Amino acid sequence: MDEAWRTARERWERERLDPTLGRNPERRSRFRTLGDIEVRRLYTPLDLGGRDPLETVGFPGEPPFTRGIHVTGYRGRLWTMRMFAGFGSAEDTNARFHQLLDAGQTGLSIAYDMPTLYGYDTDDPQAEGEFGTCGVAVSSLADMEILLDGIPLDRISTSMTINAPAAPIWAMYIAAAEKRGFPRAILEGTTQNDILKEYIAQKEFLFPVEPSMRLVTDTIEFGTRELPQWNTISISGYHIREAGATAVQELAFTIADGASYVEEALRRGLRVDEFAPRLSFFFNAHSDFFEEIAKYRAGRRIWYRLMTERWHAENERSTWMRFHAQTAGVSLTAQQPLNNLTRVAVQALSAILGGAQSLHTDAYDEAWAVPSADAALLALRQQQVIAAETGVASTVDPLGGSWYVESLTDEVERQAWRYLEEIDSLGGMTAAIEAGFPQREIADAAYRYQQEFDAGERRVIGVNEHADPDEQLTIPLLEVSEESRQRHLARLARVRRERDPRAVESALARLREVASRPGSTGTNVMPALIECASAYATLGEMCDVFRACYGEYREAIAV
């Protein structure tokens, strides 16, 4: 078979290609992916390197899951349309949630504002000027109650993009749900809770690495025991990619982070098949269409191999790489913002063809501000059009067997394993972060891309190609009102005034006691955090306990 293809390709090159190139030379262009992988002119079975497709590609729902983790793909169930939403006060965001659910959204995804992400109450001097501008402000259980008001928590799964203060915010969610009569055991959702990628890329860390990992492991342990339908961590490559990483770096560093969390949970005494089925991932859907699809396919193969060969998982669900995808915010341009609609649609399609379990599509105005209601609705409609009108959900893994896609999948996997082996040689991802390895790799990749952009080798329509020097912004932008801020501050003051101070102090003392002891079975912080949340201790008060116990992390500046 290979010899027949080789002979046929040589004939085609001789009889067809060479005369064509003599008459019409190819464009002067970099035929390389965004991640700098060479793209050949033509792909044939020869580019599969002699690997048996039955083993490397196989069938959907079977190891190594190249073609997806579900046997029938989207024929049985579409991906969850989970739009990321949050701005201003809890009332503002709750209204947006209901608008999106009424429009057909099938899952919630909560964005928190910067003070919340850093564990501060809105009236803290450190929070000045940041209320509600990139997400919703949550300072206490009172805010969480309003945020979730009217949401059927027994039918709607909720994803929360929160990391360093993930444990106290999750405690508020659990307390709010139970106050409304929803037992914790039935709650479905995901807490991002991926602290390692904060040190690598996003930089929204609070505490040093070791106690931060303890808090993550506490949530994994508590979720395993108490919330069996909750994904206690979403191992996130998204922010790594937004910081300038290539597709391969995003994949490799995310999987290496995941390996660190698995090892910590095992050290805690959990069995891999107890917690691994609830691990989930979060990836960026960027603009290089086929490279993104190859990234997702390669990721499933790598995670399956790690789970079976390194950690000896026996439950097949433990070996699944389940992932949420979000279109690439960094690719959105303030110039000619309507172009972003096309970018987002193409990026969303790559995630779907790559087998995503849930998807967020960015709004076209996000390079300017938090999305307006109309822009957010249009972003949801993009997913719905793809699902209903394109036919891509009618067959399982429609690109499976494409010689280009399978060859690119193999190359992405090969390069990702090279990174994983180097990280292992450094002693794992925590040691690699302390040595600055992933940070340097991402910085180098971002610098290389910027050089190519400046040289015109990487083209962005409306920015360095087909730019409009006379363009004027005419799109409506969302603004967070002063009224929302004052309403939030009044509620925070009322909470402090009306709560039982002795119950608050008792709960915080219990948290202080548990947090100051080594993390192990019996000293999990989650019960104490739920007690604090139920007593209406504020986020800042709970995080101040951790700050006192653990100190604050300060990143070393490379010289």
Protein backbone atom coordinates (compact mmCIF):
# COMPACT_ATOMS: atom_id res chain seq x y z
CA MET A 1 0.00 0.00 0.00
CA ASP A 2 2.74 2.48 0.95
CA GLU A 3 4.72 1.68 -2.17
CA ALA A 4 1.67 2.26 -4.37
CA TRP A 5 1.07 5.64 -2.75
CA ARG A 6 4.76 6.56 -3.08
CA THR A 7 4.74 5.73 -6.78
CA ALA A 8 1.49 7.62 -7.33
CA ARG A 9 2.75 10.70 -5.51
CA GLU A 10 5.96 10.76 -7.52
CA ARG A 11 3.93 10.56 -10.74
CA TRP A 12 1.62 13.38 -9.57
CA GLU A 13 4.58 15.58 -8.69
CA ARG A 14 6.24 14.91 -12.01
CA GLU A 15 3.19 15.24 -14.26
CA ARG A 16 1.05 17.77 -12.40
CA LEU A 17 2.90 19.66 -9.69
CA ASP A 18 6.16 20.57 -11.41
CA PRO A 19 4.50 22.03 -14.56
CA THR A 20 2.03 23.97 -12.40
CA LEU A 21 4.76 25.49 -10.24
CA GLY A 22 6.66 26.43 -13.38
CA ARG A 23 3.67 28.43 -14.63
CA ASN A 24 2.21 29.66 -11.31
CA PRO A 25 4.63 29.78 -8.36
CA GLU A 26 3.05 29.44 -4.92
CA ARG A 27 2.36 32.46 -2.74
CA ARG A 28 5.24 33.76 -0.69
CA SER A 29 3.89 32.79 2.67
CA ARG A 30 4.83 31.01 5.85
CA PHE A 31 3.09 27.69 5.52
CA ARG A 32 3.39 26.94 9.22
CA THR A 33 0.86 26.71 12.03
CA LEU A 34 0.64 29.36 14.73
CA GLY A 35 2.73 26.96 16.80
CA ASP A 36 5.42 26.91 14.10
CA ILE A 37 4.72 23.39 12.87
CA GLU A 38 5.49 23.04 9.17
CA VAL A 39 2.44 22.49 6.95
CA ARG A 40 3.26 20.41 3.91
CA ARG A 41 1.72 21.02 0.50
CA LEU A 42 -0.10 17.69 0.44
CA TYR A 43 -0.83 14.88 2.86
CA THR A 44 -1.23 11.21 2.01
CA PRO A 45 -1.16 7.96 4.04
CA LEU A 46 2.64 8.16 3.77
CA ASP A 47 2.56 11.02 6.30
CA LEU A 48 1.17 8.75 9.01
CA GLY A 49 4.64 7.30 9.46
CA GLY A 50 3.60 3.69 9.16
CA ARG A 51 1.51 3.81 12.36
CA ASP A 52 -1.55 1.60 12.35
CA PRO A 53 -4.64 3.87 12.28
CA LEU A 54 -6.65 1.17 14.03
CA GLU A 55 -4.44 1.68 17.09
CA THR A 56 -3.80 5.44 16.94
CA VAL A 57 -7.16 6.63 15.56
CA GLY A 58 -9.54 3.77 16.31
CA PHE A 59 -13.20 4.30 17.13
CA PRO A 60 -15.11 6.88 19.20
CA GLY A 61 -15.62 5.95 22.82
CA GLU A 62 -12.70 3.52 22.80
CA PRO A 63 -9.08 3.94 23.93
CA PRO A 64 -7.01 5.93 23.18
CA PHE A 65 -10.04 8.21 22.58
CA THR A 66 -8.47 10.08 19.66
CA ARG A 67 -11.95 10.29 18.10
CA GLY A 68 -13.70 11.37 21.29
CA ILE A 69 -14.79 9.94 24.62
CA HIS A 70 -18.43 9.34 23.66
CA VAL A 71 -19.50 6.55 21.32
CA THR A 72 -22.15 8.58 19.48
CA GLY A 73 -20.49 12.00 19.70
CA TYR A 74 -23.04 14.80 19.49
CA ARG A 75 -25.72 12.57 17.97
CA GLY A 76 -26.80 11.62 21.48
CA ARG A 77 -26.27 14.96 23.21
CA LEU A 78 -24.91 18.30 22.03
CA TRP A 79 -22.12 20.05 23.86
CA THR A 80 -23.18 22.25 26.79
CA MET A 81 -23.53 25.86 25.68
CA ARG A 82 -22.00 27.51 28.72
CA MET A 83 -21.63 31.25 28.24
CA PHE A 84 -19.19 33.00 30.57
CA ALA A 85 -21.07 35.85 32.28
CA GLY A 86 -20.59 38.25 35.14
CA PHE A 87 -20.47 41.98 35.74
CA GLY A 88 -21.40 44.55 38.37
CA SER A 89 -23.52 43.43 41.27
CA ALA A 90 -25.11 40.05 41.94
CA GLU A 91 -28.45 41.47 40.76
CA ASP A 92 -26.95 42.53 37.41
CA THR A 93 -25.42 39.13 36.73
CA ASN A 94 -28.45 37.17 37.91
CA ALA A 95 -30.56 39.08 35.37
CA ARG A 96 -28.03 38.22 32.63
CA PHE A 97 -28.13 34.54 33.66
CA HIS A 98 -31.89 34.43 33.28
CA GLN A 99 -31.70 36.18 29.89
CA LEU A 100 -29.22 33.60 28.61
CA LEU A 101 -31.13 30.62 30.01
CA ASP A 102 -34.33 31.91 28.45
CA ALA A 103 -32.44 32.19 25.14
CA GLY A 104 -31.43 28.52 25.23
CA GLN A 105 -28.16 28.43 27.16
CA THR A 106 -27.73 25.05 28.84
CA GLY A 107 -25.18 25.78 31.60
CA LEU A 108 -23.92 28.69 33.68
CA SER A 109 -20.35 30.01 33.85
CA ILE A 110 -19.63 32.68 36.44
CA ALA A 111 -17.00 35.36 35.92
CA TYR A 112 -15.85 37.12 39.11
CA ASP A 113 -14.45 40.63 39.36
CA MET A 114 -10.84 41.35 40.19
CA PRO A 115 -11.25 41.99 43.96
CA THR A 116 -13.10 38.67 44.28
CA LEU A 117 -10.39 36.88 42.30
CA TYR A 118 -7.81 38.27 44.71
CA GLY A 119 -9.81 37.48 47.85
CA TYR A 120 -10.76 41.04 48.82
CA ASP A 121 -14.10 42.49 49.83
CA THR A 122 -15.37 45.30 47.62
CA ASP A 123 -14.86 47.95 50.32
CA ASP A 124 -11.22 47.00 50.87
CA PRO A 125 -8.83 49.81 49.82
CA GLN A 126 -7.06 47.27 47.59
CA ALA A 127 -10.29 46.91 45.60
CA GLU A 128 -10.74 50.58 44.78
CA GLY A 129 -11.89 51.17 41.21
CA GLU A 130 -12.25 47.48 40.30
CA PHE A 131 -15.86 46.73 41.24
CA GLY A 132 -17.65 44.57 38.70
CA THR A 133 -15.60 45.55 35.68
CA CYS A 134 -14.48 42.07 34.60
CA GLY A 135 -17.00 39.95 36.47
CA VAL A 136 -19.47 39.92 39.33
CA ALA A 137 -18.53 41.06 42.84
CA VAL A 138 -19.10 38.46 45.57
CA SER A 139 -18.13 39.51 49.08
CA SER A 140 -20.37 37.25 51.17
CA LEU A 141 -23.03 34.57 51.11
CA ALA A 142 -25.64 37.33 50.70
CA ASP A 143 -24.23 38.09 47.24
CA MET A 144 -24.12 34.43 46.27
CA GLU A 145 -27.75 33.99 47.30
CA ILE A 146 -28.84 36.80 44.98
CA LEU A 147 -26.52 35.62 42.21
CA LEU A 148 -28.20 32.19 42.17
CA ASP A 149 -31.74 33.37 42.85
CA GLY A 150 -34.27 31.52 40.72
CA ILE A 151 -31.65 29.24 39.14
CA PRO A 152 -32.71 25.55 39.22
CA LEU A 153 -29.50 24.21 40.75
CA ASP A 154 -30.78 20.65 40.53
CA ARG A 155 -30.94 20.94 36.71
CA ILE A 156 -28.34 23.55 35.76
CA SER A 157 -24.63 22.89 36.12
CA THR A 158 -22.50 25.86 37.11
CA SER A 159 -18.89 26.55 36.24
CA MET A 160 -17.00 29.09 38.33
CA THR A 161 -13.84 30.77 37.12
CA ILE A 162 -12.13 31.25 40.45
CA ASN A 163 -8.69 30.05 41.52
CA ALA A 164 -6.78 31.29 44.56
CA PRO A 165 -10.00 31.89 46.59
CA ALA A 166 -11.79 28.93 44.98
CA ALA A 167 -12.36 27.09 48.26
CA PRO A 168 -14.22 29.92 50.08
CA ILE A 169 -16.24 30.84 46.97
CA TRP A 170 -17.22 27.19 46.50
CA ALA A 171 -18.19 27.07 50.19
CA MET A 172 -20.54 30.02 49.58
CA TYR A 173 -22.09 28.24 46.58
CA ILE A 174 -22.68 25.07 48.63
CA ALA A 175 -24.14 27.04 51.54
CA ALA A 176 -26.44 29.03 49.23
CA ALA A 177 -27.65 25.87 47.50
CA GLU A 178 -28.35 24.06 50.76
CA LYS A 179 -30.25 27.06 52.16
CA ARG A 180 -32.58 26.71 49.15
CA GLY A 181 -33.05 22.99 49.76
CA PHE A 182 -30.62 21.55 47.19
CA PRO A 183 -28.49 18.84 48.86
CA ARG A 184 -24.80 19.13 48.07
CA ALA A 185 -24.70 15.58 46.70
CA ILE A 186 -26.88 16.52 43.71
CA LEU A 187 -25.06 19.73 42.74
CA GLU A 188 -23.39 19.68 39.33
CA GLY A 189 -20.70 22.07 38.20
CA THR A 190 -17.03 22.88 38.00
CA THR A 191 -14.67 25.01 40.03
CA GLN A 192 -11.69 26.14 38.00
CA ASN A 193 -9.42 25.95 41.04
CA ASP A 194 -6.21 25.54 38.97
CA ILE A 195 -3.58 27.40 40.96
CA LEU A 196 -0.49 26.20 39.09
CA LYS A 197 -1.45 27.99 35.89
CA GLU A 198 -1.66 31.20 37.95
CA TYR A 199 2.07 30.99 38.69
CA ILE A 200 2.73 30.14 35.04
CA ALA A 201 0.53 32.62 33.23
CA GLN A 202 -2.41 34.49 34.76
CA LYS A 203 -0.63 35.67 37.94
CA GLU A 204 -3.75 35.86 40.11
CA PHE A 205 -2.11 33.98 42.96
CA LEU A 206 -2.41 34.76 46.66
CA PHE A 207 -0.43 32.25 48.68
CA PRO A 208 2.82 30.31 48.20
CA VAL A 209 2.73 27.18 46.08
CA GLU A 210 2.73 24.55 48.84
CA PRO A 211 -0.27 25.83 50.87
CA SER A 212 -2.08 26.66 47.64
CA MET A 213 -1.71 23.06 46.51
CA ARG A 214 -2.99 21.97 49.93
CA LEU A 215 -6.18 24.01 49.39
CA VAL A 216 -6.70 22.49 45.93
CA THR A 217 -6.20 18.99 47.31
CA ASP A 218 -8.66 19.71 50.12
CA THR A 219 -11.32 20.58 47.55
CA ILE A 220 -10.59 17.43 45.52
CA GLU A 221 -10.85 15.30 48.66
CA PHE A 222 -14.02 17.02 49.89
CA GLY A 223 -15.69 16.85 46.50
CA THR A 224 -14.85 13.17 46.16
CA ARG A 225 -16.54 12.47 49.50
CA GLU A 226 -19.40 14.96 49.53
CA LEU A 227 -20.17 16.25 46.00
CA PRO A 228 -19.78 13.28 43.67
CA GLN A 229 -21.20 15.14 40.63
CA TRP A 230 -18.95 18.20 40.98
CA ASN A 231 -15.72 18.72 39.01
CA THR A 232 -13.52 20.15 41.73
CA ILE A 233 -10.84 21.32 39.33
CA SER A 234 -10.74 22.43 35.72
CA ILE A 235 -7.13 22.10 34.66
CA SER A 236 -6.74 25.17 32.51
CA GLY A 237 -4.65 25.71 29.44
CA TYR A 238 -6.78 28.65 28.38
CA HIS A 239 -4.84 31.29 30.29
CA ILE A 240 -1.51 29.72 29.37
CA ARG A 241 -2.45 30.18 25.72
CA GLU A 242 -3.70 33.73 26.30
CA ALA A 243 -0.28 34.57 27.78
CA GLY A 244 1.37 33.74 24.44
CA ALA A 245 1.96 29.99 24.52
CA THR A 246 1.78 27.84 21.42
CA ALA A 247 -0.83 25.09 21.06
CA VAL A 248 1.78 22.47 22.01
CA GLN A 249 2.90 24.44 25.07
CA GLU A 250 -0.69 24.96 26.15
CA LEU A 251 -1.37 21.24 25.92
CA ALA A 252 1.85 20.05 27.53
CA PHE A 253 1.87 22.52 30.43
CA THR A 254 -1.80 21.88 31.16
CA ILE A 255 -1.29 18.12 31.27
CA ALA A 256 1.79 18.59 33.46
CA ASP A 257 -0.31 20.68 35.86
CA GLY A 258 -2.91 17.92 35.86
CA ALA A 259 -0.24 15.37 36.70
CA SER A 260 0.77 17.45 39.73
CA TYR A 261 -2.79 17.50 41.06
CA VAL A 262 -3.13 13.75 40.57
CA GLU A 263 0.10 13.14 42.49
CA GLU A 264 -1.02 15.40 45.36
CA ALA A 265 -4.37 13.63 45.63
CA LEU A 266 -2.63 10.26 45.67
CA ARG A 267 -0.32 11.48 48.43
CA ARG A 268 -3.40 12.53 50.37
CA GLY A 269 -4.49 8.88 50.32
CA LEU A 270 -7.16 8.98 47.64
CA ARG A 271 -7.29 6.22 45.06
CA VAL A 272 -6.97 7.39 41.47
CA ASP A 273 -10.33 5.93 40.44
CA GLU A 274 -12.03 7.77 43.31
CA PHE A 275 -11.25 11.25 42.01
CA ALA A 276 -9.94 11.07 38.44
CA PRO A 277 -13.38 10.65 36.79
CA ARG A 278 -14.25 14.16 38.03
CA LEU A 279 -11.12 15.89 36.73
CA SER A 280 -11.85 18.16 33.79
CA PHE A 281 -9.84 20.39 31.48
CA PHE A 282 -10.27 23.83 29.95
CA PHE A 283 -8.65 24.72 26.63
CA ASN A 284 -8.36 27.69 24.33
CA ALA A 285 -9.96 27.47 20.89
CA HIS A 286 -7.57 29.61 18.89
CA SER A 287 -7.48 30.65 15.25
CA ASP A 288 -5.32 27.98 13.60
CA PHE A 289 -8.25 25.72 12.79
CA PHE A 290 -6.58 22.36 12.17
CA GLU A 291 -3.86 22.80 14.80
CA GLU A 292 -6.54 23.30 17.44
CA ILE A 293 -8.41 20.16 16.39
CA ALA A 294 -5.14 18.21 16.48
CA LYS A 295 -4.41 19.59 19.97
CA TYR A 296 -7.63 18.22 21.44
CA ARG A 297 -7.18 14.82 19.78
CA ALA A 298 -3.57 14.53 20.93
CA GLY A 299 -4.53 15.58 24.45
CA ARG A 300 -6.99 12.73 24.83
CA ARG A 301 -4.37 10.22 23.73
CA ILE A 302 -1.73 11.56 26.11
CA TRP A 303 -4.06 11.68 29.12
CA TYR A 304 -5.25 8.14 28.46
CA ARG A 305 -1.67 6.90 28.34
CA LEU A 306 -0.68 8.72 31.54
CA MET A 307 -3.73 7.50 33.42
CA THR A 308 -3.23 3.87 32.44
CA GLU A 309 0.55 3.56 32.37
CA ARG A 310 1.66 5.94 35.15
CA TRP A 311 -1.26 5.81 37.60
CA HIS A 312 -2.80 2.45 36.62
CA ALA A 313 -6.38 3.69 36.48
CA GLU A 314 -8.88 0.87 36.08
CA ASN A 315 -12.09 2.88 35.67
CA GLU A 316 -12.30 3.90 32.02
CA ARG A 317 -13.89 7.23 32.97
CA SER A 318 -10.68 8.05 34.85
CA THR A 319 -8.85 8.02 31.52
CA TRP A 320 -11.19 10.46 29.77
CA MET A 321 -9.95 13.94 29.03
CA ARG A 322 -13.24 15.83 29.34
CA PHE A 323 -12.83 19.48 28.42
CA HIS A 324 -14.52 22.83 28.13
CA ALA A 325 -13.33 25.22 25.44
CA GLN A 326 -13.52 28.96 25.09
CA THR A 327 -12.75 30.92 21.97
CA ALA A 328 -9.55 32.96 22.09
CA GLY A 329 -10.07 36.28 23.81
CA VAL A 330 -6.54 37.33 22.87
CA SER A 331 -7.44 37.01 19.19
CA LEU A 332 -10.23 39.58 19.42
CA THR A 333 -9.41 43.01 18.05
CA ALA A 334 -10.66 46.43 19.05
CA GLN A 335 -10.18 47.44 15.42
CA GLN A 336 -13.08 46.42 13.16
CA PRO A 337 -14.71 44.50 16.02
CA LEU A 338 -17.36 42.90 13.82
CA ASN A 339 -14.56 40.81 12.32
CA ASN A 340 -14.51 39.06 15.68
CA LEU A 341 -17.79 37.36 14.81
CA THR A 342 -16.02 35.41 12.07
CA ARG A 343 -13.02 34.61 14.26
CA VAL A 344 -15.25 33.28 17.03
CA ALA A 345 -17.37 31.15 14.69
CA VAL A 346 -14.30 29.47 13.19
CA GLN A 347 -12.72 28.94 16.61
CA ALA A 348 -15.96 27.48 17.98
CA LEU A 349 -16.15 25.09 15.05
CA SER A 350 -12.63 23.83 15.79
CA ALA A 351 -13.62 23.05 19.39
CA ILE A 352 -16.71 21.19 18.22
CA LEU A 353 -14.84 19.19 15.58
CA GLY A 354 -12.25 18.48 18.27
CA GLY A 355 -14.88 16.98 20.57
CA ALA A 356 -15.45 19.59 23.32
CA GLN A 357 -17.94 18.73 26.07
CA SER A 358 -18.90 22.37 26.62
CA LEU A 359 -18.17 25.66 24.92
CA HIS A 360 -18.15 29.41 25.51
CA THR A 361 -18.11 31.75 22.54
CA ASP A 362 -16.67 35.22 23.09
CA ALA A 363 -18.74 38.26 22.21
CA TYR A 364 -17.49 40.53 19.44
CA ASP A 365 -17.19 43.56 21.75
CA GLU A 366 -14.98 41.93 24.41
CA ALA A 367 -11.83 43.71 23.25
CA TRP A 368 -13.54 46.85 24.54
CA ALA A 369 -15.58 45.87 27.59
CA VAL A 370 -17.62 43.19 29.34
CA PRO A 371 -20.11 42.05 26.67
CA SER A 372 -23.36 43.90 26.23
CA ALA A 373 -26.55 41.83 26.48
CA ASP A 374 -27.03 41.90 22.70
CA ALA A 375 -23.42 40.86 22.01
CA ALA A 376 -23.62 38.01 24.53
CA LEU A 377 -26.85 36.78 22.96
CA LEU A 378 -25.30 36.90 19.49
CA ALA A 379 -22.34 34.84 20.74
CA LEU A 380 -24.76 32.20 22.05
CA ARG A 381 -26.60 32.24 18.73
CA GLN A 382 -23.33 31.40 16.95
CA GLN A 383 -23.20 28.09 18.81
CA GLN A 384 -26.84 27.42 18.14
CA VAL A 385 -26.43 28.05 14.40
CA ILE A 386 -23.46 25.67 14.26
CA ALA A 387 -25.45 23.02 16.14
CA ALA A 388 -28.65 23.34 14.13
CA GLU A 389 -27.66 24.39 10.63
CA THR A 390 -24.23 23.07 9.65
CA GLY A 391 -24.53 19.29 9.98
CA VAL A 392 -21.26 18.97 11.90
CA ALA A 393 -23.02 17.20 14.78
CA SER A 394 -24.59 14.57 12.54
CA THR A 395 -21.61 12.22 12.38
CA VAL A 396 -19.02 11.30 14.98
CA ASP A 397 -15.59 12.90 14.48
CA PRO A 398 -16.10 13.98 10.85
CA LEU A 399 -12.39 14.78 10.41
CA GLY A 400 -11.23 11.40 11.66
CA GLY A 401 -9.02 9.78 9.06
CA SER A 402 -8.02 13.03 7.39
CA TRP A 403 -4.39 12.47 6.51
CA TYR A 404 -3.56 16.07 7.41
CA VAL A 405 -5.43 16.04 10.73
CA GLU A 406 -4.06 12.65 11.78
CA SER A 407 -0.49 13.61 10.82
CA LEU A 408 -0.80 16.92 12.67
CA THR A 409 -2.25 15.13 15.70
CA ASP A 410 0.78 12.84 15.74
CA GLU A 411 3.17 15.81 15.54
CA VAL A 412 1.41 17.76 18.30
CA GLU A 413 1.49 14.66 20.49
CA ARG A 414 5.20 14.09 19.78
CA GLN A 415 6.13 17.66 20.67
CA ALA A 416 3.93 17.65 23.79
CA TRP A 417 5.59 14.47 25.08
CA ARG A 418 8.97 16.14 24.60
CA TYR A 419 7.88 18.94 26.95
CA LEU A 420 6.39 16.49 29.44
CA GLU A 421 9.63 14.51 29.56
CA GLU A 422 11.62 17.70 30.16
CA ILE A 423 9.27 18.75 32.97
CA ASP A 424 9.61 15.30 34.54
CA SER A 425 13.40 15.64 34.38
CA LEU A 426 13.12 18.91 36.33
CA GLY A 427 11.18 17.14 39.09
CA GLY A 428 7.62 17.86 38.02
CA MET A 429 5.63 20.97 37.29
CA THR A 430 5.99 22.60 40.71
CA ALA A 431 9.77 22.41 40.46
CA ALA A 432 9.63 23.55 36.83
CA ILE A 433 7.60 26.62 37.85
CA GLU A 434 10.05 27.46 40.62
CA ALA A 435 12.85 27.20 38.04
CA GLY A 436 10.89 29.48 35.68
CA PHE A 437 10.87 26.92 32.85
CA PRO A 438 7.29 27.21 31.52
CA GLN A 439 7.32 30.98 32.04
CA ARG A 440 10.43 31.35 29.86
CA GLU A 441 9.06 29.06 27.16
CA ILE A 442 5.84 31.06 26.95
CA ALA A 443 7.69 34.39 26.92
CA ASP A 444 9.91 33.18 24.08
CA ALA A 445 6.89 31.99 22.07
CA ALA A 446 5.06 35.28 22.61
CA TYR A 447 8.15 37.25 21.56
CA ARG A 448 8.57 35.14 18.44
CA TYR A 449 4.95 35.72 17.47
CA GLN A 450 5.26 39.47 18.00
CA GLN A 451 8.33 39.58 15.79
CA GLU A 452 6.46 37.71 13.04
CA PHE A 453 3.48 40.03 13.43
CA ASP A 454 5.67 43.14 13.24
CA ALA A 455 7.34 41.75 10.11
CA GLY A 456 3.96 41.11 8.49
CA GLU A 457 4.46 37.34 8.49
CA ARG A 458 1.47 36.92 10.81
CA ARG A 459 -1.51 38.83 9.47
CA VAL A 460 -4.49 40.06 11.44
CA ILE A 461 -7.28 41.50 9.34
CA GLY A 462 -8.13 45.04 10.35
CA VAL A 463 -4.90 45.46 12.32
CA ASN A 464 -1.83 44.94 10.13
CA GLU A 465 -3.75 44.06 6.95
CA HIS A 466 -6.81 45.80 5.50
CA ALA A 467 -6.66 48.31 8.35
CA ASP A 468 -8.94 51.35 8.29
CA PRO A 469 -7.14 54.47 9.58
CA ASP A 470 -10.43 56.40 9.61
CA GLU A 471 -12.36 53.82 11.64
CA GLN A 472 -14.60 55.14 14.39
CA LEU A 473 -16.12 52.96 17.10
CA THR A 474 -19.90 52.82 16.85
CA ILE A 475 -20.77 49.67 18.84
CA PRO A 476 -22.68 50.06 22.13
CA LEU A 477 -20.61 49.21 25.20
CA LEU A 478 -21.70 47.97 28.61
CA GLU A 479 -20.91 50.21 31.57
CA VAL A 480 -21.12 49.20 35.22
CA SER A 481 -23.23 51.76 37.06
CA GLU A 482 -22.40 53.54 40.28
CA GLU A 483 -25.84 52.48 41.48
CA SER A 484 -24.76 48.82 41.27
CA ARG A 485 -21.64 49.51 43.33
CA GLN A 486 -23.56 51.39 46.00
CA ARG A 487 -26.18 48.62 46.18
CA HIS A 488 -23.43 46.04 46.68
CA LEU A 489 -21.65 48.12 49.33
CA ALA A 490 -24.91 48.71 51.21
CA ARG A 491 -25.57 44.97 51.29
CA LEU A 492 -22.04 44.27 52.54
CA ALA A 493 -22.48 46.83 55.34
CA ARG A 494 -25.85 45.35 56.25
CA VAL A 495 -24.38 41.84 56.42
CA ARG A 496 -21.68 42.97 58.83
CA ARG A 497 -24.25 44.82 60.92
CA GLU A 498 -26.91 42.09 61.14
CA ARG A 499 -24.91 38.84 61.35
CA ASP A 500 -24.10 37.12 64.65
CA PRO A 501 -20.57 38.33 65.50
CA ARG A 502 -19.94 35.44 67.89
CA ALA A 503 -20.86 32.88 65.23
CA VAL A 504 -18.56 34.62 62.76
CA GLU A 505 -15.63 34.73 65.17
CA SER A 506 -16.15 31.10 66.18
CA ALA A 507 -16.23 29.98 62.54
CA LEU A 508 -13.12 32.00 61.63
CA ALA A 509 -11.31 30.60 64.68
CA ARG A 510 -12.16 27.09 63.57
CA LEU A 511 -10.88 27.89 60.07
CA ARG A 512 -7.68 29.32 61.56
CA GLU A 513 -7.15 26.16 63.58
CA VAL A 514 -7.68 23.82 60.65
CA ALA A 515 -5.69 25.88 58.16
CA SER A 516 -2.68 26.07 60.44
CA ARG A 517 -2.44 22.28 60.69
CA PRO A 518 -0.83 20.16 57.93
CA GLY A 519 -3.21 19.13 55.19
CA SER A 520 -4.27 15.53 55.66
CA THR A 521 -7.42 13.51 56.21
CA GLY A 522 -9.31 15.02 59.13
CA THR A 523 -8.00 18.57 58.65
CA ASN A 524 -9.79 19.49 55.44
CA VAL A 525 -10.62 23.21 55.34
CA MET A 526 -13.90 22.86 53.43
CA PRO A 527 -16.22 22.10 56.41
CA ALA A 528 -14.79 25.11 58.26
CA LEU A 529 -15.20 27.31 55.18
CA ILE A 530 -18.84 26.26 54.77
CA GLU A 531 -19.39 27.12 58.44
CA CYS A 532 -17.79 30.54 57.82
CA ALA A 533 -19.89 31.15 54.73
CA SER A 534 -23.10 30.14 56.52
CA ALA A 535 -22.28 32.60 59.32
CA TYR A 536 -21.85 35.33 56.65
CA ALA A 537 -18.14 35.76 57.17
CA THR A 538 -16.89 37.72 54.17
CA LEU A 539 -14.54 36.52 51.48
CA GLY A 540 -11.90 38.96 52.68
CA GLU A 541 -12.16 37.68 56.24
CA MET A 542 -11.74 34.06 55.17
CA CYS A 543 -8.81 34.88 52.89
CA ASP A 544 -7.21 36.98 55.63
CA VAL A 545 -7.11 33.82 57.75
CA PHE A 546 -5.18 32.10 54.98
CA ARG A 547 -2.92 35.13 54.51
CA ALA A 548 -2.07 35.04 58.21
CA CYS A 549 -1.41 31.29 58.14
CA TYR A 550 0.44 31.04 54.84
CA GLY A 551 1.75 34.46 53.93
CA GLU A 552 1.44 35.98 50.47
CA TYR A 553 3.34 34.86 47.39
CA ARG A 554 5.68 37.27 45.67
CA GLU A 555 7.02 36.23 42.30
CA ALA A 556 10.76 36.39 41.85
CA ILE A 557 11.78 38.75 39.07
CA ALA A 558 14.14 37.16 36.58
CA VAL A 559 17.26 39.22 35.94
